[in-house]
Structure formats: C-alpha cells, structure tokens
Amino acid sequence: MALTLMEGNEAVAWGAIASGCRFFAGYPITPATTIFNTMLKLLPPLGGTCLQGEDEIASIGYCLGASMAGLKVMTATSGPGISLYSEHISFAIGSEIPIVIVDVQRLGPSTGSATRGADGDIQFLRWGNSGGLPLIVLAPVDVRDCFILTMEAFNLAEVFRCPVIIASNKEIGMTKESIDLDKLKQPKVENRRPPLPGESFFPFKVSEGRSVPGFLPIGGEVLVRQTSSTHGPDGYITTDNQEITEYLNRLNHKLKTSGDRLTFYESQIAEDAETLILTYGVTARAAKMVVEDQKKKGRPVSLLVLKTLWPVPDDFIRHQARSAERVVVLEMNLGQYVREIQRILPNKRVEFLGQMNGTLITPRQIEEAIIRG
C-alpha cells in the first residue's frame, strides 16, 4: 500500500487484518461505524466473516463464539455499546477468551452527542466488569497508533488470553492523515499457544512455566468445556474455595505482573524541567506542541504520553516523574485517570486540566495551565 489518506478507524481495521483477524461482528454506531464498513470490505476477499448483529450484546457474543472456535476476532462500538458489552467482557475475562474491542468514545452520558469526542469511558473500561479483575486498555494518539496498537492489542489478547480494549475517540477515529502502512515497523504477530505435548488436556489447566492455559478450539476432536461460572482446571463449575482462590489470583496476577510487556508510551523527559505533562489519546497532540514551544522559549517541560492505561504502569510512571516537582494531567473528561496519578505520586503536586464539552483541549489552554503554576 502506497502513501494514502486514512482515518484512524480505517487504520484499526487494517491493523486487525495484518494481525490475522478473520472475524468481525458489530452494530452500527457513530463514531465507530467506519471500522465496521472497512472490515466489511476487507474480510470477505480473505475468506473472513463480517456480521452485523441484531444489537451490541449479540455482536460481541458472536465474537466470543468465533474466538472459542479458534479465530482472531474484533468488535467495535462507542460508549452506549460498551455499556451493553459489559457482561460479555466479564465472560471473556473469566473464561480467558481472546478478543479485541474498540471503543471509539463519544461525548456522554448515555447517548450524549454522537458526533463529538470525549474520553469519558476511561474508568468504565477498567471497572465495568463484574468482579473487578484487570484487563488491558490501550490508547492511540493518531492514525499510526491506530494501526500499530491494534496489532499489539491482538498480540496481547492471544498471549494472555484476555479481552484487550482500544480506547480511541471520535477525534482520532474520524480524522484522516497520510500514512504508508508498508513502511511501518510492524510487531511480530503472536498466536495463542496450544497445550504442551504429552500432557493430559484440561481446558483451564496451566502448565508449569506458563501463566495461561493451552488453547484448543471448541468443536474439534478434543472435548473443550467453557463456562462463565467459577470453574476448576477441568472446566466444570466449582464452589471449592481453594480452587476459586487459585483461579481468581491467577487471572489477577497474569496481567499485573507483566508490566513491561504491556507498557506502551512516548516520553520527552527534560531532567531540568520542574513540570511534567501527563496525558493520553488525542490530547497528546496539543501537549506535544506546547512542549516544543516551551523548549524554544527556554522553559523546558517534560511530557509523558501513556498508551497503556490499564493495568496502570505504576513503577514506570514513578520513574518518569522522578525529577518533576509538579505533574499536570490532561484529560478530555472531568477527571478520571488523574486519580491514579494522585495515588501513584502522593508526594508530587498533581494538577488537573480537563473538560468534557465536545471540544478538544487546546495548546493555549495547556500553556496557560503551565504558566499559571
């Protein structure tokens, strides 16, 4: 593919295809529909399947079934659809079903403003599952990120057998930029691992040296049990306290102890800067402009753009903020991720600049916040 003009949603679809995704199901919703449209063009010629479900719940259910049968799968929606996805997200966490979910956020609450962007789903993406177990949420900044982070999302879903959410928003998803996909350095494509040879197969048995069970598809020659209830290694429902404890601890630890593997970011750290700007998503673009402008004026400011939001990379954030006295958190909401930064950096002066009115935070607003401090 030569240099082309592409919006973020289209880049997500191309990233999915490059990762080996061959099944997509979704329900049309602004501003995520162009992911659906692009997958509808790309999948059939490759022998893949693209379905419109009767609603969001059915759509993600189709994806989970296809994933259990061995396919790489993706679905896409916006805030109202994510709310409906919640139960199936919990199912995917508990039964370790790989799936990539794209949330092209729009202004809420409820149906809100369909054509205006926001980052209002950030806390819901982490805590909107029953049980509160961790999952992975990645946040692209631009079209390039939409392609690369989608590939990374598929890799993480396959390796850790879990749902991975891409937290895009309307401004990223529907903004067109020039990109040459052939010149991007693409991550190596990962696939879920089968059971170790010579071992008796149980659908949720974890072999020594691994953190997730070996995968076999439902419908094959070997019987595979799946359930959304608490279960033991054999896949049968269990109420045994010890089995439940071991099962839930493993689901918790497999992500929380894999920090470096999960952490994506950009940073510009000036050791003599008193202020660190910390942000994510489309707001990072305005922040970069401010940092460059302040550098030219002889007023160095550090910048950390998080592209992994959950699990929170606590130690990494502490390291990046070590030389700063003040951390300014920028978000297109009324204050969600800033709570994590206040928790991680209790001895720093943490300030917040945010808004949720359907407009972008401007470089001028950021500059005023920096100077005001």
Protein backbone atom coordinates (compact mmCIF):
# COMPACT_ATOMS: atom_id res chain seq x y z
CA MET A 1 0.00 0.00 0.00
CA ALA A 2 1.48 3.35 -1.05
CA LEU A 3 1.11 6.62 0.84
CA THR A 4 -2.61 7.09 1.41
CA LEU A 5 -5.05 9.28 3.30
CA MET A 6 -6.67 7.19 6.02
CA GLU A 7 -8.73 7.84 9.11
CA GLY A 8 -7.99 6.23 12.46
CA ASN A 9 -10.91 3.82 12.20
CA GLU A 10 -9.69 2.53 8.85
CA ALA A 11 -6.19 2.06 10.28
CA VAL A 12 -7.65 -0.03 13.11
CA ALA A 13 -9.28 -2.31 10.54
CA TRP A 14 -6.06 -2.67 8.54
CA GLY A 15 -4.14 -3.40 11.75
CA ALA A 16 -6.63 -6.13 12.59
CA ILE A 17 -6.22 -7.71 9.16
CA ALA A 18 -2.43 -7.60 9.46
CA SER A 19 -2.75 -9.41 12.79
CA GLY A 20 -4.74 -12.26 11.28
CA CYS A 21 -8.21 -11.17 12.37
CA ARG A 22 -10.76 -13.06 10.28
CA PHE A 23 -13.99 -12.42 12.17
CA PHE A 24 -15.74 -9.16 12.97
CA ALA A 25 -19.22 -8.57 14.36
CA GLY A 26 -20.69 -5.26 15.37
CA TYR A 27 -23.68 -2.99 15.40
CA PRO A 28 -23.52 0.38 13.61
CA ILE A 29 -22.88 3.29 15.97
CA THR A 30 -21.33 6.70 15.42
CA PRO A 31 -18.36 7.25 15.53
CA ALA A 32 -17.22 3.60 15.22
CA THR A 33 -19.16 2.54 12.13
CA THR A 34 -16.33 3.08 9.65
CA ILE A 35 -14.40 0.28 11.35
CA PHE A 36 -17.35 -1.99 10.53
CA ASN A 37 -17.51 -0.61 6.98
CA THR A 38 -13.80 -1.20 6.39
CA MET A 39 -13.89 -4.74 7.77
CA LEU A 40 -16.86 -5.44 5.51
CA LYS A 41 -14.65 -4.58 2.52
CA LEU A 42 -11.52 -6.37 3.73
CA LEU A 43 -12.70 -9.63 5.30
CA PRO A 44 -14.77 -11.43 2.61
CA PRO A 45 -11.98 -11.46 -0.04
CA LEU A 46 -9.74 -13.10 2.59
CA GLY A 47 -12.30 -15.76 3.43
CA GLY A 48 -13.19 -13.98 6.66
CA THR A 49 -16.59 -13.16 8.14
CA CYS A 50 -18.14 -9.78 8.90
CA LEU A 51 -21.54 -9.76 10.61
CA GLN A 52 -23.99 -7.14 11.78
CA GLY A 53 -25.60 -8.40 14.94
CA GLU A 54 -29.16 -7.52 15.87
CA ASP A 55 -27.69 -5.48 18.74
CA GLU A 56 -24.43 -4.92 20.62
CA ILE A 57 -24.94 -7.83 23.01
CA ALA A 58 -25.41 -10.29 20.15
CA SER A 59 -22.43 -8.83 18.26
CA ILE A 60 -19.88 -9.37 21.00
CA GLY A 61 -21.45 -12.76 21.70
CA TYR A 62 -20.81 -13.80 18.09
CA CYS A 63 -17.19 -12.72 18.52
CA LEU A 64 -16.70 -14.75 21.68
CA GLY A 65 -18.11 -17.84 20.00
CA ALA A 66 -15.83 -17.39 16.99
CA SER A 67 -12.84 -16.87 19.28
CA MET A 68 -13.63 -20.05 21.21
CA ALA A 69 -13.63 -21.81 17.85
CA GLY A 70 -10.09 -20.55 17.23
CA LEU A 71 -10.48 -17.37 15.19
CA LYS A 72 -8.93 -13.99 15.92
CA VAL A 73 -11.84 -11.63 16.46
CA MET A 74 -12.65 -7.94 16.85
CA THR A 75 -15.69 -5.81 17.54
CA ALA A 76 -16.12 -2.02 17.67
CA THR A 77 -18.58 0.31 19.33
CA SER A 78 -18.89 3.54 21.32
CA GLY A 79 -19.93 4.40 24.87
CA PRO A 80 -23.55 3.15 24.75
CA GLY A 81 -22.40 -0.13 23.21
CA ILE A 82 -19.58 -0.62 25.73
CA SER A 83 -22.22 -0.46 28.45
CA LEU A 84 -24.06 -3.33 26.76
CA TYR A 85 -20.84 -5.27 26.23
CA SER A 86 -20.15 -5.37 29.96
CA GLU A 87 -21.48 -8.85 30.75
CA HIS A 88 -19.65 -10.45 27.84
CA ILE A 89 -16.44 -8.64 28.76
CA SER A 90 -16.71 -10.30 32.17
CA PHE A 91 -17.26 -13.65 30.41
CA ALA A 92 -14.14 -13.11 28.28
CA ILE A 93 -12.07 -12.30 31.36
CA GLY A 94 -13.31 -15.25 33.39
CA SER A 95 -13.14 -17.82 30.61
CA GLU A 96 -9.95 -16.39 29.07
CA ILE A 97 -11.36 -15.75 25.62
CA PRO A 98 -9.13 -13.58 23.38
CA ILE A 99 -10.95 -10.61 21.83
CA VAL A 100 -10.07 -7.08 20.72
CA ILE A 101 -12.72 -4.46 21.49
CA VAL A 102 -12.52 -0.97 20.03
CA ASP A 103 -14.27 1.83 21.93
CA VAL A 104 -14.40 4.94 19.74
CA GLN A 105 -15.54 7.20 22.54
CA ARG A 106 -18.04 10.00 22.15
CA LEU A 107 -19.43 12.61 24.47
CA GLY A 108 -21.71 11.14 27.14
CA PRO A 109 -23.52 10.39 29.31
CA SER A 110 -25.92 7.93 27.74
CA THR A 111 -26.39 8.68 24.02
CA GLY A 112 -24.81 12.09 24.63
CA SER A 113 -23.55 13.73 21.45
CA ALA A 114 -22.87 11.17 18.76
CA THR A 115 -20.59 13.39 16.68
CA ARG A 116 -18.47 14.88 19.46
CA GLY A 117 -15.48 13.26 21.09
CA ALA A 118 -14.51 12.72 24.71
CA ASP A 119 -12.54 10.31 26.89
CA GLY A 120 -15.39 9.72 29.30
CA ASP A 121 -15.26 5.89 29.35
CA ILE A 122 -11.78 5.51 30.84
CA GLN A 123 -12.79 4.37 34.33
CA PHE A 124 -15.69 2.29 33.00
CA LEU A 125 -13.35 0.37 30.70
CA ARG A 126 -11.35 -0.76 33.72
CA TRP A 127 -14.12 -1.28 36.26
CA GLY A 128 -17.11 -2.16 34.08
CA ASN A 129 -16.78 -5.90 34.62
CA SER A 130 -18.29 -7.93 37.43
CA GLY A 131 -15.52 -8.96 39.80
CA GLY A 132 -13.23 -6.03 39.05
CA LEU A 133 -10.49 -8.19 37.54
CA PRO A 134 -7.87 -6.43 35.41
CA LEU A 135 -7.88 -6.16 31.65
CA ILE A 136 -5.72 -4.33 29.12
CA VAL A 137 -6.67 -0.93 27.71
CA LEU A 138 -4.51 0.77 25.06
CA ALA A 139 -4.94 4.39 23.95
CA PRO A 140 -3.83 5.54 20.46
CA VAL A 141 -2.85 9.13 19.68
CA ASP A 142 -3.00 9.16 15.88
CA VAL A 143 -3.55 7.08 12.76
CA ARG A 144 -0.18 5.37 13.06
CA ASP A 145 -1.01 4.30 16.61
CA CYS A 146 -4.39 3.02 15.49
CA PHE A 147 -2.64 0.55 13.21
CA ILE A 148 0.29 -0.44 15.45
CA LEU A 149 -1.62 -0.58 18.75
CA THR A 150 -4.33 -2.69 17.13
CA MET A 151 -1.65 -5.21 16.21
CA GLU A 152 -0.25 -5.03 19.74
CA ALA A 153 -3.78 -5.50 21.11
CA PHE A 154 -4.22 -8.72 19.12
CA ASN A 155 -0.84 -9.98 20.30
CA LEU A 156 -1.68 -9.31 23.94
CA ALA A 157 -5.13 -10.88 23.60
CA GLU A 158 -3.56 -14.03 22.16
CA VAL A 159 -0.64 -14.28 24.58
CA PHE A 160 -2.61 -13.56 27.75
CA ARG A 161 -5.95 -15.00 26.57
CA CYS A 162 -7.98 -11.98 27.59
CA PRO A 163 -10.01 -9.08 26.20
CA VAL A 164 -7.98 -6.05 25.11
CA ILE A 165 -9.73 -2.73 24.64
CA ILE A 166 -8.55 0.07 22.36
CA ALA A 167 -9.70 3.40 23.84
CA SER A 168 -9.93 5.62 20.79
CA ASN A 169 -12.31 8.54 20.42
CA LYS A 170 -14.19 10.38 17.69
CA GLU A 171 -11.37 12.85 17.03
CA ILE A 172 -8.82 10.07 16.48
CA GLY A 173 -11.15 7.64 14.75
CA MET A 174 -12.54 10.06 12.18
CA THR A 175 -9.50 12.27 11.49
CA LYS A 176 -7.69 11.49 8.24
CA GLU A 177 -3.90 11.54 7.98
CA SER A 178 -1.34 10.46 5.43
CA ILE A 179 0.22 7.08 6.18
CA ASP A 180 2.19 4.40 4.36
CA LEU A 181 1.43 1.13 6.12
CA ASP A 182 4.16 -0.72 4.23
CA LYS A 183 6.85 1.45 5.80
CA LEU A 184 5.69 0.97 9.38
CA LYS A 185 7.73 -1.35 11.58
CA GLN A 186 5.06 -3.87 12.47
CA PRO A 187 5.22 -6.01 15.60
CA LYS A 188 5.69 -9.74 15.14
CA VAL A 189 2.31 -11.46 15.00
CA GLU A 190 1.61 -13.71 18.02
CA ASN A 191 -0.83 -16.61 18.23
CA ARG A 192 -2.38 -18.37 21.21
CA ARG A 193 -0.37 -21.35 22.37
CA PRO A 194 -1.63 -24.95 22.30
CA PRO A 195 -1.24 -27.30 25.28
CA LEU A 196 2.17 -28.81 25.85
CA PRO A 197 2.57 -32.13 24.01
CA GLY A 198 2.27 -35.27 26.09
CA GLU A 199 0.17 -33.70 28.83
CA SER A 200 -3.42 -34.61 29.64
CA PHE A 201 -5.62 -31.79 28.36
CA PHE A 202 -7.91 -29.80 30.63
CA PRO A 203 -9.36 -26.55 29.25
CA PHE A 204 -8.09 -24.39 32.12
CA LYS A 205 -5.04 -26.31 33.22
CA VAL A 206 -1.91 -24.13 33.37
CA SER A 207 1.32 -25.96 32.65
CA GLU A 208 4.47 -25.24 34.61
CA GLY A 209 6.23 -22.13 33.35
CA ARG A 210 3.07 -20.67 31.83
CA SER A 211 0.53 -18.14 33.10
CA VAL A 212 -2.42 -19.14 30.87
CA PRO A 213 -3.94 -22.46 29.79
CA GLY A 214 -3.05 -24.02 26.47
CA PHE A 215 -5.75 -23.40 23.87
CA LEU A 216 -7.77 -25.91 21.86
CA PRO A 217 -10.83 -24.84 19.85
CA ILE A 218 -14.36 -25.78 20.73
CA GLY A 219 -15.78 -28.17 18.14
CA GLY A 220 -12.54 -30.03 17.48
CA GLU A 221 -11.60 -33.63 18.17
CA VAL A 222 -10.89 -32.95 21.85
CA LEU A 223 -13.72 -32.04 24.24
CA VAL A 224 -13.39 -28.44 25.43
CA ARG A 225 -15.66 -27.13 28.17
CA GLN A 226 -16.47 -23.45 28.60
CA THR A 227 -18.47 -21.77 31.33
CA SER A 228 -19.00 -18.23 32.57
CA SER A 229 -19.14 -19.50 36.16
CA THR A 230 -16.22 -20.05 38.52
CA HIS A 231 -14.51 -23.23 37.43
CA GLY A 232 -11.59 -25.52 38.09
CA PRO A 233 -8.90 -26.64 35.62
CA ASP A 234 -11.30 -29.21 34.15
CA GLY A 235 -13.84 -26.53 33.16
CA TYR A 236 -16.54 -27.76 35.49
CA ILE A 237 -18.33 -25.28 37.76
CA THR A 238 -16.82 -25.24 41.24
CA THR A 239 -17.67 -23.80 44.65
CA ASP A 240 -14.44 -25.05 46.21
CA ASN A 241 -12.85 -22.09 47.99
CA GLN A 242 -9.27 -23.10 47.26
CA GLU A 243 -9.94 -23.70 43.56
CA ILE A 244 -11.74 -20.35 43.26
CA THR A 245 -8.92 -18.54 45.04
CA GLU A 246 -6.25 -20.06 42.79
CA TYR A 247 -8.30 -19.31 39.67
CA LEU A 248 -9.00 -15.66 40.52
CA ASN A 249 -5.48 -14.99 41.77
CA ARG A 250 -4.08 -16.26 38.51
CA LEU A 251 -6.41 -14.06 36.43
CA ASN A 252 -5.32 -11.12 38.56
CA HIS A 253 -1.59 -11.83 38.55
CA LYS A 254 -1.11 -12.76 34.90
CA LEU A 255 -1.59 -9.11 33.89
CA LYS A 256 -0.47 -7.25 36.99
CA THR A 257 2.92 -8.95 36.96
CA SER A 258 3.60 -8.38 33.25
CA GLY A 259 4.21 -4.62 33.32
CA ASP A 260 7.00 -4.15 30.76
CA ARG A 261 5.30 -6.41 28.23
CA LEU A 262 2.13 -4.35 28.44
CA THR A 263 3.50 -0.80 28.66
CA PHE A 264 3.44 1.43 25.57
CA TYR A 265 4.23 5.12 25.73
CA GLU A 266 6.03 8.18 24.37
CA SER A 267 8.10 10.44 26.58
CA GLN A 268 10.24 13.54 26.40
CA ILE A 269 11.88 13.93 29.79
CA ALA A 270 13.97 17.04 30.44
CA GLU A 271 15.95 16.47 33.64
CA ASP A 272 15.89 20.19 34.49
CA ALA A 273 12.13 20.53 33.99
CA GLU A 274 10.04 21.17 37.10
CA THR A 275 6.78 20.29 35.34
CA LEU A 276 5.74 17.01 33.74
CA ILE A 277 2.69 16.95 31.47
CA LEU A 278 1.00 13.55 31.58
CA THR A 279 -1.73 12.74 29.09
CA TYR A 280 -3.10 10.19 26.61
CA GLY A 281 -5.16 10.00 23.43
CA VAL A 282 -5.74 12.92 21.09
CA THR A 283 -4.87 15.49 23.79
CA ALA A 284 -1.25 14.37 23.47
CA ARG A 285 -1.06 16.15 20.12
CA ALA A 286 -1.74 19.55 21.67
CA ALA A 287 0.61 18.72 24.56
CA LYS A 288 3.47 17.98 22.15
CA MET A 289 3.03 21.38 20.53
CA VAL A 290 3.24 23.09 23.92
CA VAL A 291 6.34 21.17 24.97
CA GLU A 292 8.14 22.10 21.75
CA ASP A 293 7.10 25.74 22.07
CA GLN A 294 8.22 25.94 25.71
CA LYS A 295 11.56 24.39 24.78
CA LYS A 296 12.15 27.11 22.18
CA LYS A 297 11.37 29.73 24.80
CA GLY A 298 13.93 28.26 27.19
CA ARG A 299 11.31 26.88 29.59
CA PRO A 300 11.74 23.09 29.46
CA VAL A 301 8.70 20.94 30.23
CA SER A 302 8.65 17.14 30.31
CA LEU A 303 5.99 15.06 28.61
CA LEU A 304 4.69 11.54 29.20
CA VAL A 305 2.08 10.14 26.82
CA LEU A 306 0.60 6.91 28.15
CA LYS A 307 -0.57 4.45 25.53
CA THR A 308 -1.25 1.75 28.11
CA LEU A 309 -3.87 2.96 30.58
CA TRP A 310 -4.78 -0.32 32.29
CA PRO A 311 -3.17 -2.09 34.04
CA VAL A 312 -1.70 1.14 35.40
CA PRO A 313 2.11 1.08 34.94
CA ASP A 314 2.74 2.38 38.48
CA ASP A 315 6.51 1.90 38.72
CA PHE A 316 7.07 3.22 35.21
CA ILE A 317 5.12 6.40 35.95
CA ARG A 318 7.06 6.93 39.19
CA HIS A 319 10.32 6.58 37.28
CA GLN A 320 9.29 9.01 34.56
CA ALA A 321 8.16 11.59 37.13
CA ARG A 322 11.16 11.24 39.40
CA SER A 323 12.72 14.63 38.59
CA ALA A 324 9.50 16.63 38.35
CA GLU A 325 8.07 18.66 41.23
CA ARG A 326 4.71 19.12 39.54
CA VAL A 327 2.61 16.84 37.32
CA VAL A 328 -0.17 18.30 35.17
CA VAL A 329 -2.65 15.66 33.99
CA LEU A 330 -4.64 16.44 30.84
CA GLU A 331 -7.85 14.55 30.03
CA MET A 332 -10.91 15.01 27.85
CA ASN A 333 -13.18 14.28 30.80
CA LEU A 334 -13.89 15.72 34.24
CA GLY A 335 -11.09 13.83 35.96
CA GLN A 336 -10.73 10.05 35.73
CA TYR A 337 -7.14 8.90 35.22
CA VAL A 338 -5.83 11.77 37.36
CA ARG A 339 -7.00 9.78 40.39
CA GLU A 340 -4.47 7.07 39.54
CA ILE A 341 -1.68 9.63 39.26
CA GLN A 342 -2.57 11.13 42.63
CA ARG A 343 -2.42 7.63 44.09
CA ILE A 344 0.92 6.81 42.50
CA LEU A 345 2.60 10.17 43.20
CA PRO A 346 1.37 11.25 46.66
CA ASN A 347 4.46 13.40 47.24
CA LYS A 348 4.16 15.33 43.97
CA ARG A 349 1.98 18.34 43.23
CA VAL A 350 -0.59 16.79 40.88
CA GLU A 351 -2.83 19.21 39.00
CA PHE A 352 -5.62 18.57 36.54
CA LEU A 353 -6.77 20.23 33.33
CA GLY A 354 -9.79 18.67 31.71
CA GLN A 355 -13.07 19.32 30.03
CA MET A 356 -15.91 17.28 28.61
CA ASN A 357 -17.92 19.52 26.31
CA GLY A 358 -17.26 18.02 22.90
CA THR A 359 -14.25 20.21 22.09
CA LEU A 360 -10.54 19.49 22.20
CA ILE A 361 -8.20 20.85 24.85
CA THR A 362 -6.15 23.47 23.01
CA PRO A 363 -2.42 24.26 23.20
CA ARG A 364 -3.37 27.69 24.56
CA GLN A 365 -5.27 26.15 27.47
CA ILE A 366 -2.32 23.86 28.26
CA GLU A 367 0.17 26.71 28.08
CA GLU A 368 -1.94 28.82 30.44
CA ALA A 369 -2.12 25.93 32.91
CA ILE A 370 1.67 25.51 32.77
CA ILE A 371 2.38 29.19 33.26
CA ARG A 372 -0.25 29.56 35.97
CA GLY A 373 1.58 27.01 38.08
